[in-house]
Amino acid sequence: MTQNTTGDWGVRWFEFNRQDQPVQKARYFRTREAMERFMDKVQDKDNFYRFEATCGWATEARC
């Protein structure tokens, strides 16, 4: 994964592709609220597997 350069908050997750293989994805956001709204939506998808990590300036973690 590349370092967060597009926003202050980020999330990584796995979902299954059409061949039922796990695929890691990442997305970055300007606000924590936007990240949490996205997480609520993505976990409702049929092909969602699990969250790998979240990061933000408050946790000083890097995605």
C-alpha atoms as a PDB file:
ATOM      1  CA  MET A   1       0.000   0.000   0.000  1.00  0.00           C
ATOM      2  CA  THR A   2       1.089   3.538  -0.601  1.00  0.00           C
ATOM      3  CA  GLN A   3       1.239   6.195   2.058  1.00  0.00           C
ATOM      4  CA  ASN A   4      -1.832   8.338   2.656  1.00  0.00           C
ATOM      5  CA  THR A   5      -1.480  11.422   0.457  1.00  0.00           C
ATOM      6  CA  THR A   6      -5.081  12.307  -0.358  1.00  0.00           C
ATOM      7  CA  GLY A   7      -6.780  12.733   3.005  1.00  0.00           C
ATOM      8  CA  ASP A   8      -6.442  12.710   6.764  1.00  0.00           C
ATOM      9  CA  TRP A   9      -8.426   9.506   7.341  1.00  0.00           C
ATOM     10  CA  GLY A  10      -8.240   6.146   5.626  1.00  0.00           C
ATOM     11  CA  VAL A  11      -9.572   2.607   5.664  1.00  0.00           C
ATOM     12  CA  ARG A  12      -8.346  -0.681   4.188  1.00  0.00           C
ATOM     13  CA  TRP A  13     -10.620  -3.666   3.680  1.00  0.00           C
ATOM     14  CA  PHE A  14     -10.916  -6.966   1.861  1.00  0.00           C
ATOM     15  CA  GLU A  15     -13.720  -7.991  -0.435  1.00  0.00           C
ATOM     16  CA  PHE A  16     -14.188 -10.952  -2.763  1.00  0.00           C
ATOM     17  CA  ASN A  17     -13.938 -10.487  -6.527  1.00  0.00           C
ATOM     18  CA  ARG A  18     -15.995 -12.404  -9.113  1.00  0.00           C
ATOM     19  CA  GLN A  19     -13.638 -15.379  -8.859  1.00  0.00           C
ATOM     20  CA  ASP A  20     -14.193 -15.470  -5.061  1.00  0.00           C
ATOM     21  CA  GLN A  21     -10.631 -14.330  -4.392  1.00  0.00           C
ATOM     22  CA  PRO A  22      -9.990 -11.801  -1.592  1.00  0.00           C
ATOM     23  CA  VAL A  23      -8.892  -8.394  -2.884  1.00  0.00           C
ATOM     24  CA  GLN A  24      -7.500  -5.643  -0.657  1.00  0.00           C
ATOM     25  CA  LYS A  25      -8.770  -2.117  -1.255  1.00  0.00           C
ATOM     26  CA  ALA A  26      -8.134   1.272   0.337  1.00  0.00           C
ATOM     27  CA  ARG A  27      -9.817   4.646   0.374  1.00  0.00           C
ATOM     28  CA  TYR A  28      -8.973   7.981   1.994  1.00  0.00           C
ATOM     29  CA  PHE A  29     -11.190  10.767   3.322  1.00  0.00           C
ATOM     30  CA  ARG A  30     -10.915  14.335   4.517  1.00  0.00           C
ATOM     31  CA  THR A  31     -13.055  13.761   7.621  1.00  0.00           C
ATOM     32  CA  ARG A  32     -13.597  10.943  10.088  1.00  0.00           C
ATOM     33  CA  GLU A  33     -17.353  11.210   9.602  1.00  0.00           C
ATOM     34  CA  ALA A  34     -17.028  10.603   5.857  1.00  0.00           C
ATOM     35  CA  MET A  35     -14.832   7.573   6.530  1.00  0.00           C
ATOM     36  CA  GLU A  36     -17.353   6.143   9.008  1.00  0.00           C
ATOM     37  CA  ARG A  37     -20.258   6.661   6.574  1.00  0.00           C
ATOM     38  CA  PHE A  38     -18.292   4.833   3.889  1.00  0.00           C
ATOM     39  CA  MET A  39     -17.469   1.977   6.279  1.00  0.00           C
ATOM     40  CA  ASP A  40     -21.165   1.582   7.090  1.00  0.00           C
ATOM     41  CA  LYS A  41     -21.966   1.280   3.384  1.00  0.00           C
ATOM     42  CA  VAL A  42     -19.115  -1.027   2.357  1.00  0.00           C
ATOM     43  CA  GLN A  43     -19.779  -3.584   5.087  1.00  0.00           C
ATOM     44  CA  ASP A  44     -23.344  -4.002   3.791  1.00  0.00           C
ATOM     45  CA  LYS A  45     -22.079  -5.228   0.390  1.00  0.00           C
ATOM     46  CA  ASP A  46     -22.511  -8.939  -0.365  1.00  0.00           C
ATOM     47  CA  ASN A  47     -18.839  -9.353  -1.305  1.00  0.00           C
ATOM     48  CA  PHE A  48     -17.426  -7.615   1.809  1.00  0.00           C
ATOM     49  CA  TYR A  49     -15.021  -9.778   3.852  1.00  0.00           C
ATOM     50  CA  ARG A  50     -13.393  -7.678   6.619  1.00  0.00           C
ATOM     51  CA  PHE A  51     -11.730  -4.408   7.533  1.00  0.00           C
ATOM     52  CA  GLU A  52      -7.948  -4.559   7.710  1.00  0.00           C
ATOM     53  CA  ALA A  53      -7.114  -1.144   9.165  1.00  0.00           C
ATOM     54  CA  THR A  54      -8.257   2.400   9.749  1.00  0.00           C
ATOM     55  CA  CYS A  55      -5.954   5.357  10.191  1.00  0.00           C
ATOM     56  CA  GLY A  56      -6.155   9.024  10.935  1.00  0.00           C
ATOM     57  CA  TRP A  57      -4.179  11.900  12.271  1.00  0.00           C
ATOM     58  CA  ALA A  58      -5.470  11.282  15.817  1.00  0.00           C
ATOM     59  CA  THR A  59      -4.079   7.732  15.921  1.00  0.00           C
ATOM     60  CA  GLU A  60      -0.850   8.640  14.129  1.00  0.00           C
ATOM     61  CA  ALA A  61      -1.237   5.381  12.218  1.00  0.00           C
ATOM     62  CA  ARG A  62      -0.400   5.182   8.554  1.00  0.00           C
ATOM     63  CA  CYS A  63      -2.414   3.245   5.999  1.00  0.00           C
END
